[in-house]
Amino acid sequence: MKKMDIDDFIADPSDLETKIKGTTLKCYYYMLLKNKPVGVREIQKSLGLSSPSVAAHHLNKLSEFGLIMKTPDNKYVITTHVKIGFLKFFVRIFDRYLPRYFLYTGFFLGLFLAYLIFSLFNYNRLFDRIITIIVLSISFLISALETYIILKESERFRE
């Protein structure tokens, strides 16, 4: 059987997405969150799989696609980061995965607070300032809601 590589899927990323889903994607997600080498039994216990051989099957599947590799001490490490499934909605910052909308939420919150503080010291054109504060508030709330939804979805996926 030919070992598959991530380069085989560059032309059509959706093909990789159809091959890595369900428990295999959960294994990949778990490894991303751990960000350190993991063993077969750790995967089995953490994901509630029935046996170590089931965990090994999913890890071997990820290994066939070149996403992870086995270390000499029989642990697995991630070699390639891909955004498949719900991972498309996350960004990697300093080896942490945050919902993409989290950045927007922080931006709008910072802008809202800065504008609010600025408005406290300047009463000219009060109506314009109130409209701006309302728009920034709505922008912040929408991005915060989207962040919350993505975090809830990722929690459901971890179960």
N, C-alpha and C. Protein backbone atom coordinates (compact mmCIF):
# COMPACT_ATOMS: atom_id res chain seq x y z
N MET A 1 0.83 -1.17 0.00
CA MET A 1 0.00 0.00 0.00
C MET A 1 0.88 1.24 0.00
N LYS A 2 0.63 2.15 -0.93
CA LYS A 2 1.42 3.37 -1.06
C LYS A 2 1.12 4.31 0.10
N LYS A 3 2.19 4.84 0.72
CA LYS A 3 2.00 5.82 1.79
C LYS A 3 1.55 7.13 1.17
N MET A 4 0.44 7.66 1.67
CA MET A 4 -0.10 8.91 1.14
C MET A 4 0.58 10.08 1.83
N ASP A 5 0.72 11.16 1.11
CA ASP A 5 1.34 12.36 1.63
C ASP A 5 0.37 13.52 1.52
N ILE A 6 0.57 14.53 2.35
CA ILE A 6 -0.31 15.69 2.33
C ILE A 6 -0.28 16.38 0.97
N ASP A 7 0.83 16.28 0.24
CA ASP A 7 0.94 16.91 -1.08
C ASP A 7 -0.04 16.29 -2.07
N ASP A 8 -0.47 15.06 -1.83
CA ASP A 8 -1.44 14.42 -2.71
C ASP A 8 -2.80 15.11 -2.64
N PHE A 9 -3.05 15.91 -1.59
CA PHE A 9 -4.35 16.51 -1.39
C PHE A 9 -4.36 18.02 -1.58
N ILE A 10 -3.21 18.59 -1.90
CA ILE A 10 -3.14 20.05 -2.04
C ILE A 10 -4.09 20.53 -3.14
N ALA A 11 -4.19 19.80 -4.23
CA ALA A 11 -5.05 20.22 -5.33
C ALA A 11 -6.51 20.24 -4.91
N ASP A 12 -6.90 19.31 -4.07
CA ASP A 12 -8.29 19.24 -3.64
C ASP A 12 -8.37 18.97 -2.14
N PRO A 13 -8.32 20.05 -1.31
CA PRO A 13 -8.34 19.85 0.13
C PRO A 13 -9.60 19.15 0.64
N SER A 14 -10.69 19.25 -0.10
CA SER A 14 -11.92 18.60 0.34
C SER A 14 -11.76 17.08 0.33
N ASP A 15 -10.86 16.57 -0.51
CA ASP A 15 -10.61 15.14 -0.54
C ASP A 15 -10.01 14.67 0.79
N LEU A 16 -9.07 15.45 1.32
CA LEU A 16 -8.49 15.13 2.62
C LEU A 16 -9.57 15.19 3.69
N GLU A 17 -10.44 16.16 3.57
CA GLU A 17 -11.50 16.33 4.56
C GLU A 17 -12.48 15.15 4.54
N THR A 18 -12.70 14.54 3.39
CA THR A 18 -13.60 13.39 3.33
C THR A 18 -12.94 12.14 3.91
N LYS A 19 -11.63 12.10 3.90
CA LYS A 19 -10.93 10.92 4.40
C LYS A 19 -10.65 11.01 5.90
N ILE A 20 -10.54 12.21 6.43
CA ILE A 20 -10.26 12.39 7.85
C ILE A 20 -11.48 13.04 8.50
N LYS A 21 -12.24 12.22 9.19
CA LYS A 21 -13.44 12.71 9.86
C LYS A 21 -13.74 11.80 11.03
N GLY A 22 -14.73 12.16 11.80
CA GLY A 22 -15.14 11.33 12.92
C GLY A 22 -14.05 11.15 13.97
N THR A 23 -13.82 9.91 14.36
CA THR A 23 -12.85 9.61 15.41
C THR A 23 -11.43 9.96 15.00
N THR A 24 -11.12 9.80 13.73
CA THR A 24 -9.78 10.14 13.25
C THR A 24 -9.53 11.64 13.43
N LEU A 25 -10.53 12.45 13.10
CA LEU A 25 -10.41 13.89 13.28
C LEU A 25 -10.33 14.24 14.77
N LYS A 26 -11.05 13.50 15.61
CA LYS A 26 -10.97 13.73 17.05
C LYS A 26 -9.56 13.45 17.57
N CYS A 27 -8.93 12.38 17.05
CA CYS A 27 -7.55 12.07 17.44
C CYS A 27 -6.62 13.22 17.05
N TYR A 28 -6.78 13.71 15.84
CA TYR A 28 -5.95 14.81 15.35
C TYR A 28 -6.18 16.05 16.22
N TYR A 29 -7.43 16.35 16.51
CA TYR A 29 -7.77 17.52 17.33
C TYR A 29 -7.18 17.38 18.74
N TYR A 30 -7.27 16.19 19.31
CA TYR A 30 -6.71 15.94 20.64
C TYR A 30 -5.21 16.19 20.63
N MET A 31 -4.54 15.72 19.59
CA MET A 31 -3.09 15.92 19.50
C MET A 31 -2.74 17.40 19.34
N LEU A 32 -3.57 18.13 18.60
CA LEU A 32 -3.34 19.57 18.46
C LEU A 32 -3.45 20.27 19.81
N LEU A 33 -4.45 19.89 20.59
CA LEU A 33 -4.65 20.51 21.90
C LEU A 33 -3.53 20.15 22.87
N LYS A 34 -3.09 18.92 22.84
CA LYS A 34 -2.02 18.47 23.75
C LYS A 34 -0.69 19.13 23.40
N ASN A 35 -0.41 19.23 22.12
CA ASN A 35 0.82 19.86 21.61
C ASN A 35 2.08 19.20 22.17
N LYS A 36 2.01 17.90 22.37
CA LYS A 36 3.17 17.13 22.80
C LYS A 36 2.95 15.69 22.32
N PRO A 37 4.00 14.87 22.32
CA PRO A 37 3.82 13.48 21.87
C PRO A 37 2.81 12.74 22.74
N VAL A 38 1.97 11.96 22.07
CA VAL A 38 0.95 11.18 22.77
C VAL A 38 1.06 9.72 22.37
N GLY A 39 0.70 8.85 23.31
CA GLY A 39 0.73 7.42 23.05
C GLY A 39 -0.64 6.88 22.69
N VAL A 40 -0.65 5.64 22.26
CA VAL A 40 -1.89 4.98 21.84
C VAL A 40 -2.87 4.87 23.01
N ARG A 41 -2.39 4.46 24.17
CA ARG A 41 -3.28 4.29 25.33
C ARG A 41 -3.83 5.63 25.81
N GLU A 42 -3.04 6.68 25.71
CA GLU A 42 -3.53 8.00 26.11
C GLU A 42 -4.69 8.44 25.22
N ILE A 43 -4.53 8.21 23.92
CA ILE A 43 -5.62 8.53 22.97
C ILE A 43 -6.84 7.69 23.30
N GLN A 44 -6.61 6.40 23.52
CA GLN A 44 -7.73 5.49 23.80
C GLN A 44 -8.51 5.92 25.03
N LYS A 45 -7.80 6.24 26.11
CA LYS A 45 -8.47 6.63 27.35
C LYS A 45 -9.13 8.00 27.23
N SER A 46 -8.43 8.95 26.62
CA SER A 46 -8.96 10.32 26.54
C SER A 46 -10.20 10.42 25.66
N LEU A 47 -10.22 9.64 24.57
CA LEU A 47 -11.36 9.70 23.65
C LEU A 47 -12.41 8.63 23.95
N GLY A 48 -12.14 7.79 24.93
CA GLY A 48 -13.12 6.77 25.31
C GLY A 48 -13.28 5.68 24.26
N LEU A 49 -12.18 5.34 23.59
CA LEU A 49 -12.24 4.29 22.56
C LEU A 49 -12.25 2.92 23.23
N SER A 50 -12.77 1.92 22.53
CA SER A 50 -12.97 0.60 23.13
C SER A 50 -11.68 -0.15 23.41
N SER A 51 -10.65 0.06 22.59
CA SER A 51 -9.39 -0.65 22.81
C SER A 51 -8.22 0.15 22.22
N PRO A 52 -7.01 -0.17 22.63
CA PRO A 52 -5.85 0.50 22.06
C PRO A 52 -5.69 0.26 20.56
N SER A 53 -6.16 -0.87 20.09
CA SER A 53 -6.03 -1.16 18.65
C SER A 53 -6.90 -0.22 17.82
N VAL A 54 -8.04 0.21 18.36
CA VAL A 54 -8.88 1.18 17.65
C VAL A 54 -8.15 2.52 17.58
N ALA A 55 -7.53 2.92 18.68
CA ALA A 55 -6.76 4.17 18.69
C ALA A 55 -5.59 4.06 17.72
N ALA A 56 -4.91 2.92 17.71
CA ALA A 56 -3.78 2.72 16.80
C ALA A 56 -4.23 2.79 15.34
N HIS A 57 -5.41 2.27 15.04
CA HIS A 57 -5.94 2.34 13.68
C HIS A 57 -6.10 3.79 13.23
N HIS A 58 -6.68 4.63 14.10
CA HIS A 58 -6.90 6.03 13.73
C HIS A 58 -5.58 6.79 13.65
N LEU A 59 -4.65 6.47 14.52
CA LEU A 59 -3.33 7.11 14.46
C LEU A 59 -2.58 6.69 13.20
N ASN A 60 -2.69 5.42 12.83
CA ASN A 60 -2.05 4.96 11.60
C ASN A 60 -2.65 5.63 10.37
N LYS A 61 -3.95 5.85 10.41
CA LYS A 61 -4.62 6.55 9.31
C LYS A 61 -4.06 7.97 9.16
N LEU A 62 -3.90 8.67 10.29
CA LEU A 62 -3.32 10.01 10.25
C LEU A 62 -1.87 9.96 9.77
N SER A 63 -1.17 8.93 10.18
CA SER A 63 0.22 8.76 9.76
C SER A 63 0.33 8.50 8.26
N GLU A 64 -0.59 7.73 7.70
CA GLU A 64 -0.60 7.46 6.26
C GLU A 64 -0.73 8.74 5.44
N PHE A 65 -1.46 9.70 5.97
CA PHE A 65 -1.66 10.96 5.27
C PHE A 65 -0.53 11.96 5.54
N GLY A 66 0.44 11.57 6.35
CA GLY A 66 1.58 12.43 6.61
C GLY A 66 1.30 13.55 7.60
N LEU A 67 0.22 13.42 8.37
CA LEU A 67 -0.12 14.47 9.34
C LEU A 67 0.61 14.28 10.66
N ILE A 68 0.90 13.02 11.00
CA ILE A 68 1.63 12.73 12.23
C ILE A 68 2.70 11.70 11.91
N MET A 69 3.63 11.54 12.85
CA MET A 69 4.63 10.48 12.70
C MET A 69 4.89 9.82 14.05
N LYS A 70 5.38 8.61 13.98
CA LYS A 70 5.66 7.84 15.19
C LYS A 70 7.10 8.10 15.61
N THR A 71 7.29 8.36 16.88
CA THR A 71 8.63 8.59 17.41
C THR A 71 9.24 7.26 17.84
N PRO A 72 10.56 7.21 18.08
CA PRO A 72 11.18 5.95 18.51
C PRO A 72 10.62 5.39 19.82
N ASP A 73 10.06 6.25 20.67
CA ASP A 73 9.50 5.76 21.93
C ASP A 73 8.01 5.42 21.80
N ASN A 74 7.57 5.14 20.56
CA ASN A 74 6.20 4.71 20.26
C ASN A 74 5.13 5.73 20.64
N LYS A 75 5.47 6.98 20.52
CA LYS A 75 4.48 8.04 20.69
C LYS A 75 4.31 8.71 19.33
N TYR A 76 3.28 9.51 19.22
CA TYR A 76 2.97 10.16 17.95
C TYR A 76 3.03 11.67 18.12
N VAL A 77 3.59 12.35 17.12
CA VAL A 77 3.66 13.81 17.12
C VAL A 77 3.09 14.33 15.80
N ILE A 78 2.56 15.53 15.84
CA ILE A 78 2.02 16.16 14.63
C ILE A 78 3.16 16.70 13.80
N THR A 79 3.13 16.41 12.51
CA THR A 79 4.15 16.93 11.61
C THR A 79 3.60 17.98 10.66
N THR A 80 2.31 17.92 10.38
CA THR A 80 1.68 18.85 9.44
C THR A 80 0.38 19.38 10.05
N HIS A 81 0.24 20.69 10.03
CA HIS A 81 -0.99 21.32 10.52
C HIS A 81 -1.89 21.61 9.33
N VAL A 82 -3.09 21.04 9.37
CA VAL A 82 -4.07 21.31 8.32
C VAL A 82 -5.36 21.78 8.97
N LYS A 83 -6.11 22.56 8.23
CA LYS A 83 -7.39 23.06 8.72
C LYS A 83 -8.50 22.31 8.01
N ILE A 84 -8.99 21.28 8.68
CA ILE A 84 -10.07 20.47 8.12
C ILE A 84 -11.20 20.44 9.15
N GLY A 85 -12.38 20.18 8.67
CA GLY A 85 -13.53 20.13 9.56
C GLY A 85 -13.74 21.47 10.25
N PHE A 86 -14.10 21.42 11.52
CA PHE A 86 -14.35 22.66 12.24
C PHE A 86 -13.07 23.39 12.58
N LEU A 87 -11.90 22.77 12.35
CA LEU A 87 -10.62 23.43 12.61
C LEU A 87 -10.40 24.63 11.70
N LYS A 88 -11.20 24.74 10.63
CA LYS A 88 -11.11 25.90 9.74
C LYS A 88 -11.45 27.19 10.48
N PHE A 89 -12.19 27.09 11.56
CA PHE A 89 -12.63 28.27 12.29
C PHE A 89 -11.67 28.68 13.40
N PHE A 90 -10.49 28.08 13.44
CA PHE A 90 -9.50 28.39 14.46
C PHE A 90 -8.22 28.92 13.81
N VAL A 91 -7.52 29.76 14.55
CA VAL A 91 -6.20 30.24 14.12
C VAL A 91 -5.18 29.79 15.16
N ARG A 92 -3.98 29.58 14.69
CA ARG A 92 -2.91 29.13 15.58
C ARG A 92 -2.05 30.34 15.95
N ILE A 93 -1.99 30.63 17.24
CA ILE A 93 -1.18 31.73 17.74
C ILE A 93 -0.32 31.20 18.88
N PHE A 94 0.99 31.21 18.69
CA PHE A 94 1.93 30.72 19.71
C PHE A 94 1.56 29.31 20.18
N ASP A 95 1.33 28.41 19.25
CA ASP A 95 0.98 27.02 19.53
C ASP A 95 -0.31 26.85 20.32
N ARG A 96 -1.17 27.84 20.27
CA ARG A 96 -2.51 27.76 20.86
C ARG A 96 -3.51 27.94 19.74
N TYR A 97 -4.63 27.26 19.84
CA TYR A 97 -5.69 27.40 18.85
C TYR A 97 -6.83 28.21 19.45
N LEU A 98 -7.11 29.33 18.81
CA LEU A 98 -8.19 30.22 19.25
C LEU A 98 -9.22 30.36 18.14
N PRO A 99 -10.48 30.50 18.50
CA PRO A 99 -11.48 30.74 17.45
C PRO A 99 -11.14 32.01 16.68
N ARG A 100 -11.29 31.96 15.39
CA ARG A 100 -10.97 33.09 14.52
C ARG A 100 -11.73 34.35 14.94
N TYR A 101 -12.96 34.18 15.36
CA TYR A 101 -13.77 35.32 15.76
C TYR A 101 -13.32 35.93 17.09
N PHE A 102 -12.51 35.20 17.85
CA PHE A 102 -11.98 35.72 19.10
C PHE A 102 -11.14 36.97 18.84
N LEU A 103 -10.40 36.97 17.75
CA LEU A 103 -9.59 38.13 17.39
C LEU A 103 -10.47 39.33 17.06
N TYR A 104 -11.55 39.09 16.33
CA TYR A 104 -12.49 40.17 16.01
C TYR A 104 -13.15 40.69 17.29
N THR A 105 -13.49 39.77 18.19
CA THR A 105 -14.12 40.17 19.44
C THR A 105 -13.19 41.08 20.23
N GLY A 106 -11.93 40.71 20.32
CA GLY A 106 -10.97 41.54 21.02
C GLY A 106 -10.78 42.90 20.36
N PHE A 107 -10.75 42.90 19.03
CA PHE A 107 -10.61 44.16 18.29
C PHE A 107 -11.79 45.08 18.56
N PHE A 108 -13.00 44.57 18.41
CA PHE A 108 -14.19 45.41 18.62
C PHE A 108 -14.33 45.84 20.08
N LEU A 109 -13.96 44.98 21.00
CA LEU A 109 -14.02 45.36 22.41
C LEU A 109 -13.03 46.49 22.70
N GLY A 110 -11.81 46.35 22.20
CA GLY A 110 -10.81 47.40 22.38
C GLY A 110 -11.23 48.71 21.76
N LEU A 111 -11.76 48.63 20.55
CA LEU A 111 -12.23 49.83 19.86
C LEU A 111 -13.40 50.47 20.62
N PHE A 112 -14.31 49.63 21.08
CA PHE A 112 -15.47 50.13 21.83
C PHE A 112 -15.03 50.84 23.11
N LEU A 113 -14.15 50.20 23.88
CA LEU A 113 -13.70 50.81 25.14
C LEU A 113 -12.91 52.10 24.90
N ALA A 114 -12.02 52.09 23.90
CA ALA A 114 -11.25 53.30 23.60
C ALA A 114 -12.18 54.43 23.18
N TYR A 115 -13.15 54.13 22.34
CA TYR A 115 -14.08 55.16 21.87
C TYR A 115 -14.96 55.66 23.01
N LEU A 116 -15.36 54.74 23.89
CA LEU A 116 -16.19 55.12 25.04
C LEU A 116 -15.42 56.06 25.96
N ILE A 117 -14.18 55.74 26.23
CA ILE A 117 -13.36 56.61 27.09
C ILE A 117 -13.14 57.96 26.41
N PHE A 118 -12.85 57.93 25.11
CA PHE A 118 -12.66 59.18 24.37
C PHE A 118 -13.93 60.04 24.41
N SER A 119 -15.07 59.40 24.32
CA SER A 119 -16.35 60.13 24.29
C SER A 119 -16.69 60.76 25.63
N LEU A 120 -16.15 60.23 26.71
CA LEU A 120 -16.43 60.79 28.03
C LEU A 120 -15.85 62.20 28.17
N PHE A 121 -14.79 62.49 27.43
CA PHE A 121 -14.11 63.78 27.56
C PHE A 121 -14.49 64.77 26.47
N ASN A 122 -15.35 64.37 25.57
CA ASN A 122 -15.70 65.26 24.46
C ASN A 122 -17.20 65.13 24.20
N TYR A 123 -17.94 66.22 24.42
CA TYR A 123 -19.39 66.18 24.27
C TYR A 123 -19.86 66.73 22.93
N ASN A 124 -18.97 67.12 22.06
CA ASN A 124 -19.38 67.64 20.75
C ASN A 124 -19.97 66.51 19.93
N ARG A 125 -20.97 66.82 19.16
CA ARG A 125 -21.62 65.86 18.24
C ARG A 125 -21.98 64.57 18.97
N LEU A 126 -22.73 64.71 20.04
CA LEU A 126 -23.10 63.58 20.90
C LEU A 126 -23.89 62.51 20.15
N PHE A 127 -24.77 62.91 19.24
CA PHE A 127 -25.57 61.94 18.49
C PHE A 127 -24.67 61.01 17.66
N ASP A 128 -23.65 61.57 16.99
CA ASP A 128 -22.71 60.76 16.20
C ASP A 128 -21.97 59.76 17.10
N ARG A 129 -21.60 60.19 18.25
CA ARG A 129 -20.88 59.31 19.17
C ARG A 129 -21.78 58.17 19.67
N ILE A 130 -23.02 58.50 19.95
CA ILE A 130 -23.95 57.47 20.41
C ILE A 130 -24.16 56.42 19.31
N ILE A 131 -24.34 56.86 18.08
CA ILE A 131 -24.51 55.92 16.95
C ILE A 131 -23.27 55.05 16.81
N THR A 132 -22.10 55.64 16.91
CA THR A 132 -20.85 54.87 16.79
C THR A 132 -20.74 53.86 17.92
N ILE A 133 -21.09 54.25 19.12
CA ILE A 133 -21.03 53.32 20.26
C ILE A 133 -22.02 52.17 20.05
N ILE A 134 -23.19 52.47 19.53
CA ILE A 134 -24.18 51.41 19.27
C ILE A 134 -23.65 50.44 18.21
N VAL A 135 -23.08 50.96 17.13
CA VAL A 135 -22.54 50.09 16.07
C VAL A 135 -21.40 49.22 16.60
N LEU A 136 -20.50 49.83 17.37
CA LEU A 136 -19.39 49.05 17.95
C LEU A 136 -19.91 48.00 18.93
N SER A 137 -20.92 48.34 19.71
CA SER A 137 -21.50 47.38 20.65
C SER A 137 -22.09 46.19 19.91
N ILE A 138 -22.83 46.46 18.86
CA ILE A 138 -23.44 45.38 18.08
C ILE A 138 -22.36 44.52 17.43
N SER A 139 -21.32 45.15 16.90
CA SER A 139 -20.22 44.40 16.28
C SER A 139 -19.55 43.49 17.31
N PHE A 140 -19.30 44.03 18.48
CA PHE A 140 -18.69 43.24 19.55
C PHE A 140 -19.58 42.07 19.94
N LEU A 141 -20.87 42.32 20.12
CA LEU A 141 -21.79 41.26 20.54
C LEU A 141 -21.91 40.16 19.50
N ILE A 142 -21.95 40.53 18.22
CA ILE A 142 -22.05 39.52 17.16
C ILE A 142 -20.79 38.66 17.13
N SER A 143 -19.62 39.29 17.18
CA SER A 143 -18.39 38.50 17.14
C SER A 143 -18.23 37.67 18.41
N ALA A 144 -18.67 38.18 19.56
CA ALA A 144 -18.62 37.40 20.80
C ALA A 144 -19.55 36.19 20.72
N LEU A 145 -20.72 36.37 20.14
CA LEU A 145 -21.66 35.26 19.96
C LEU A 145 -21.07 34.19 19.04
N GLU A 146 -20.47 34.61 17.94
CA GLU A 146 -19.85 33.65 17.02
C GLU A 146 -18.71 32.89 17.71
N THR A 147 -17.93 33.59 18.51
CA THR A 147 -16.85 32.93 19.26
C THR A 147 -17.43 31.89 20.21
N TYR A 148 -18.48 32.26 20.91
CA TYR A 148 -19.13 31.34 21.85
C TYR A 148 -19.66 30.10 21.13
N ILE A 149 -20.28 30.30 19.98
CA ILE A 149 -20.83 29.17 19.21
C ILE A 149 -19.71 28.22 18.78
N ILE A 150 -18.61 28.77 18.32
CA ILE A 150 -17.49 27.93 17.89
C ILE A 150 -16.90 27.17 19.08
N LEU A 151 -16.75 27.83 20.21
CA LEU A 151 -16.22 27.15 21.40
C LEU A 151 -17.16 26.04 21.86
N LYS A 152 -18.46 26.28 21.82
CA LYS A 152 -19.43 25.24 22.19
C LYS A 152 -19.36 24.06 21.23
N GLU A 153 -19.20 24.36 19.94
CA GLU A 153 -19.09 23.29 18.94
C GLU A 153 -17.83 22.46 19.18
N SER A 154 -16.73 23.12 19.52
CA SER A 154 -15.50 22.37 19.76
C SER A 154 -15.61 21.54 21.04
N GLU A 155 -16.34 22.01 22.03
CA GLU A 155 -16.57 21.21 23.25
C GLU A 155 -17.41 19.98 22.92
N ARG A 156 -18.43 20.15 22.11
CA ARG A 156 -19.27 19.02 21.71
C ARG A 156 -18.44 18.00 20.94
N PHE A 157 -17.50 18.50 20.14
CA PHE A 157 -16.67 17.60 19.34
C PHE A 157 -15.72 16.81 20.22
N ARG A 158 -15.28 17.39 21.33
CA ARG A 158 -14.33 16.70 22.22
C ARG A 158 -14.99 15.58 23.00
N GLU A 159 -16.32 15.62 23.15
CA GLU A 159 -17.02 14.60 23.94
C GLU A 159 -17.04 13.28 23.24
